[in-house]
N, C-alpha and C. Protein backbone atom coordinates (compact mmCIF):
# COMPACT_ATOMS: atom_id res chain seq x y z
N ASP A 1 11.37 -12.16 1.64
CA ASP A 1 12.76 -11.79 1.46
C ASP A 1 13.02 -10.43 2.11
N GLN A 2 14.27 -10.16 2.43
CA GLN A 2 14.65 -8.87 3.02
C GLN A 2 15.89 -8.31 2.35
N GLN A 3 15.97 -6.99 2.31
CA GLN A 3 17.14 -6.29 1.78
C GLN A 3 17.47 -5.14 2.71
N THR A 4 18.73 -5.03 3.11
CA THR A 4 19.19 -3.94 3.96
C THR A 4 19.99 -2.95 3.12
N GLY A 5 19.83 -1.67 3.40
CA GLY A 5 20.61 -0.66 2.68
C GLY A 5 20.17 0.74 3.07
N LEU A 6 20.64 1.70 2.30
CA LEU A 6 20.29 3.11 2.53
C LEU A 6 19.12 3.49 1.64
N LEU A 7 18.07 4.00 2.23
CA LEU A 7 16.88 4.43 1.49
C LEU A 7 17.16 5.81 0.91
N THR A 8 17.38 5.88 -0.39
CA THR A 8 17.78 7.14 -1.02
C THR A 8 16.62 7.91 -1.62
N LEU A 9 15.53 7.21 -1.98
CA LEU A 9 14.42 7.88 -2.63
C LEU A 9 13.10 7.20 -2.31
N ILE A 10 12.09 8.01 -1.97
CA ILE A 10 10.71 7.55 -1.83
C ILE A 10 9.91 8.31 -2.88
N ASP A 11 9.50 7.61 -3.92
CA ASP A 11 8.75 8.22 -5.03
C ASP A 11 7.27 7.89 -4.85
N CYS A 12 6.45 8.92 -4.63
CA CYS A 12 5.03 8.74 -4.36
C CYS A 12 4.14 9.21 -5.51
N ARG A 13 4.72 9.49 -6.66
CA ARG A 13 3.93 10.05 -7.77
C ARG A 13 2.90 9.06 -8.30
N VAL A 14 3.30 7.81 -8.49
CA VAL A 14 2.38 6.76 -8.95
C VAL A 14 2.61 5.55 -8.05
N GLY A 15 1.69 5.28 -7.16
CA GLY A 15 1.90 4.20 -6.20
C GLY A 15 3.03 4.58 -5.26
N LEU A 16 3.94 3.65 -5.02
CA LEU A 16 5.09 3.89 -4.14
C LEU A 16 6.29 3.15 -4.71
N ILE A 17 7.37 3.89 -4.95
CA ILE A 17 8.61 3.29 -5.43
C ILE A 17 9.71 3.66 -4.43
N LEU A 18 10.40 2.64 -3.93
CA LEU A 18 11.49 2.84 -2.97
C LEU A 18 12.80 2.47 -3.64
N THR A 19 13.80 3.34 -3.51
CA THR A 19 15.13 3.06 -4.06
C THR A 19 16.09 2.89 -2.89
N LEU A 20 16.77 1.75 -2.89
CA LEU A 20 17.68 1.37 -1.81
C LEU A 20 19.06 1.14 -2.39
N GLU A 21 20.09 1.66 -1.75
CA GLU A 21 21.46 1.43 -2.20
C GLU A 21 22.20 0.60 -1.16
N ASP A 22 22.94 -0.41 -1.66
CA ASP A 22 23.70 -1.29 -0.78
C ASP A 22 24.94 -1.76 -1.52
N ARG A 23 26.12 -1.35 -1.05
CA ARG A 23 27.40 -1.78 -1.62
C ARG A 23 27.44 -1.64 -3.14
N GLN A 24 27.22 -0.47 -3.62
CA GLN A 24 27.29 -0.15 -5.05
C GLN A 24 26.16 -0.75 -5.88
N GLN A 25 25.20 -1.42 -5.25
CA GLN A 25 24.05 -1.95 -5.96
C GLN A 25 22.83 -1.09 -5.65
N VAL A 26 21.93 -0.99 -6.62
CA VAL A 26 20.68 -0.26 -6.41
C VAL A 26 19.54 -1.26 -6.53
N HIS A 27 18.65 -1.23 -5.54
CA HIS A 27 17.49 -2.11 -5.51
C HIS A 27 16.25 -1.22 -5.53
N VAL A 28 15.31 -1.53 -6.42
CA VAL A 28 14.10 -0.72 -6.54
C VAL A 28 12.89 -1.61 -6.26
N PHE A 29 12.03 -1.12 -5.36
CA PHE A 29 10.82 -1.84 -4.96
C PHE A 29 9.62 -0.98 -5.34
N SER A 30 8.53 -1.62 -5.77
CA SER A 30 7.38 -0.86 -6.24
C SER A 30 6.07 -1.53 -5.81
N THR A 31 5.07 -0.70 -5.51
CA THR A 31 3.73 -1.21 -5.21
C THR A 31 2.69 -0.20 -5.70
N ASP A 32 1.56 -0.72 -6.15
CA ASP A 32 0.43 0.13 -6.52
C ASP A 32 -0.46 0.40 -5.32
N SER A 33 -0.18 -0.25 -4.18
CA SER A 33 -0.98 -0.11 -2.96
C SER A 33 -0.12 0.36 -1.80
N PRO A 34 0.30 1.65 -1.82
CA PRO A 34 1.19 2.14 -0.76
C PRO A 34 0.59 2.06 0.64
N GLU A 35 -0.73 2.06 0.74
CA GLU A 35 -1.37 2.00 2.05
C GLU A 35 -1.13 0.65 2.73
N ARG A 36 -0.69 -0.35 1.98
CA ARG A 36 -0.42 -1.68 2.53
C ARG A 36 1.00 -1.83 3.06
N VAL A 37 1.86 -0.86 2.80
CA VAL A 37 3.25 -0.93 3.25
C VAL A 37 3.33 -0.43 4.69
N GLU A 38 3.93 -1.24 5.55
CA GLU A 38 4.08 -0.88 6.97
C GLU A 38 5.44 -0.21 7.17
N PHE A 39 5.44 0.94 7.81
CA PHE A 39 6.69 1.62 8.16
C PHE A 39 6.86 1.50 9.67
N SER A 40 8.06 1.10 10.11
CA SER A 40 8.31 0.97 11.55
C SER A 40 9.74 1.36 11.85
N SER A 41 10.04 1.48 13.14
CA SER A 41 11.37 1.90 13.56
C SER A 41 11.74 1.23 14.86
N THR A 42 13.02 0.85 14.96
CA THR A 42 13.55 0.29 16.21
C THR A 42 14.05 1.42 17.11
N THR A 43 14.06 2.62 16.57
CA THR A 43 14.58 3.77 17.29
C THR A 43 13.78 5.01 16.87
N ASN A 44 13.96 6.10 17.55
CA ASN A 44 13.31 7.33 17.15
C ASN A 44 14.08 7.91 15.96
N ILE A 45 13.47 7.89 14.76
CA ILE A 45 14.18 8.35 13.58
C ILE A 45 14.28 9.88 13.54
N GLY A 46 13.51 10.53 14.37
CA GLY A 46 13.68 11.97 14.53
C GLY A 46 13.10 12.84 13.44
N SER A 47 12.40 12.26 12.49
CA SER A 47 11.79 13.08 11.45
C SER A 47 10.59 12.36 10.87
N GLU A 48 9.78 13.12 10.18
CA GLU A 48 8.61 12.57 9.54
C GLU A 48 9.02 11.95 8.20
N ILE A 49 8.37 10.88 7.82
CA ILE A 49 8.65 10.25 6.54
C ILE A 49 8.00 11.08 5.45
N SER A 50 8.77 11.46 4.45
CA SER A 50 8.20 12.25 3.36
C SER A 50 8.71 11.73 2.03
N CYS A 51 7.95 12.01 0.99
CA CYS A 51 8.33 11.59 -0.36
C CYS A 51 9.50 12.43 -0.86
N GLY A 52 10.26 11.87 -1.78
CA GLY A 52 11.37 12.59 -2.39
C GLY A 52 12.71 11.98 -2.02
N ILE A 53 13.76 12.71 -2.35
CA ILE A 53 15.12 12.29 -2.03
C ILE A 53 15.30 12.32 -0.52
N GLN A 54 15.89 11.27 0.03
CA GLN A 54 16.10 11.17 1.47
C GLN A 54 17.53 11.61 1.78
N ASP A 55 17.65 12.76 2.45
CA ASP A 55 18.97 13.31 2.75
C ASP A 55 18.98 13.80 4.18
N PRO A 56 19.67 13.13 5.08
CA PRO A 56 20.54 11.98 4.84
C PRO A 56 19.70 10.71 4.63
N SER A 57 20.29 9.76 3.94
CA SER A 57 19.60 8.50 3.63
C SER A 57 19.61 7.60 4.87
N PRO A 58 18.42 7.25 5.38
CA PRO A 58 18.38 6.38 6.56
C PRO A 58 18.66 4.92 6.19
N ARG A 59 19.21 4.19 7.15
CA ARG A 59 19.46 2.76 6.95
C ARG A 59 18.15 2.02 7.25
N VAL A 60 17.75 1.14 6.35
CA VAL A 60 16.48 0.42 6.50
C VAL A 60 16.64 -1.05 6.13
N VAL A 61 15.65 -1.84 6.57
CA VAL A 61 15.48 -3.21 6.11
C VAL A 61 14.12 -3.23 5.42
N VAL A 62 14.10 -3.62 4.14
CA VAL A 62 12.85 -3.73 3.40
C VAL A 62 12.49 -5.21 3.30
N THR A 63 11.31 -5.55 3.80
CA THR A 63 10.77 -6.90 3.63
C THR A 63 9.88 -6.83 2.40
N PHE A 64 10.06 -7.79 1.48
CA PHE A 64 9.34 -7.70 0.21
C PHE A 64 8.97 -9.06 -0.35
N ARG A 65 7.99 -9.03 -1.25
CA ARG A 65 7.66 -10.21 -2.05
C ARG A 65 8.40 -10.06 -3.37
N PRO A 66 9.13 -11.08 -3.80
CA PRO A 66 9.90 -10.96 -5.05
C PRO A 66 9.01 -10.63 -6.25
N GLY A 67 9.56 -9.85 -7.16
CA GLY A 67 8.85 -9.48 -8.37
C GLY A 67 8.90 -10.62 -9.37
N PRO A 68 8.06 -10.56 -10.39
CA PRO A 68 8.07 -11.60 -11.42
C PRO A 68 9.35 -11.56 -12.24
N ALA A 69 9.68 -12.66 -12.86
CA ALA A 69 10.87 -12.74 -13.70
C ALA A 69 10.79 -11.68 -14.80
N GLY A 70 11.89 -10.99 -15.02
CA GLY A 70 11.94 -9.97 -16.06
C GLY A 70 11.43 -8.60 -15.63
N SER A 71 10.98 -8.46 -14.38
CA SER A 71 10.48 -7.18 -13.89
C SER A 71 11.64 -6.21 -13.67
N GLU A 72 11.38 -4.93 -13.87
CA GLU A 72 12.41 -3.93 -13.60
C GLU A 72 12.55 -3.67 -12.11
N PHE A 73 11.63 -4.19 -11.30
CA PHE A 73 11.64 -3.99 -9.86
C PHE A 73 12.06 -5.27 -9.15
N ARG A 74 12.76 -5.10 -8.03
CA ARG A 74 13.22 -6.26 -7.23
C ARG A 74 12.04 -6.98 -6.61
N GLY A 75 10.99 -6.21 -6.24
CA GLY A 75 9.83 -6.83 -5.64
C GLY A 75 8.85 -5.80 -5.11
N VAL A 76 7.84 -6.31 -4.39
CA VAL A 76 6.79 -5.49 -3.80
C VAL A 76 7.09 -5.32 -2.32
N PRO A 77 7.28 -4.07 -1.85
CA PRO A 77 7.59 -3.86 -0.44
C PRO A 77 6.38 -4.16 0.45
N VAL A 78 6.64 -4.84 1.57
CA VAL A 78 5.61 -5.14 2.54
C VAL A 78 5.83 -4.31 3.81
N LYS A 79 7.12 -4.19 4.21
CA LYS A 79 7.48 -3.47 5.43
C LYS A 79 8.82 -2.76 5.23
N VAL A 80 8.90 -1.56 5.77
CA VAL A 80 10.15 -0.79 5.77
C VAL A 80 10.46 -0.48 7.23
N GLU A 81 11.58 -1.02 7.72
CA GLU A 81 11.97 -0.80 9.10
C GLU A 81 13.23 0.04 9.16
N PHE A 82 13.14 1.19 9.80
CA PHE A 82 14.28 2.08 9.98
C PHE A 82 15.13 1.54 11.12
N ILE A 83 16.45 1.43 10.90
CA ILE A 83 17.34 0.86 11.92
C ILE A 83 18.49 1.81 12.20
N GLU A 84 19.12 1.60 13.35
CA GLU A 84 20.28 2.42 13.72
C GLU A 84 21.48 1.95 12.92
N ASP A 85 22.39 2.87 12.64
CA ASP A 85 23.64 2.51 11.92
C ASP A 85 24.51 1.64 12.78
């Protein structure tokens, strides 16, 4: 599955948690194996990826495996692709 939106937060404290905003909805993705998440770009994003609040929030497509029923997370991120607006 894929979700497009603005990447507002990269939380690296425990595993990796990505917060994505799209049309007033918030989608949260989580993994205990951050080294397995692929980051890529169709363009030069012009900065290094770092943990914390993303300001300005880049537009991304997150490819993910859906989370189990009842999970607080939308799914497990597999790939994060930075795209042009």
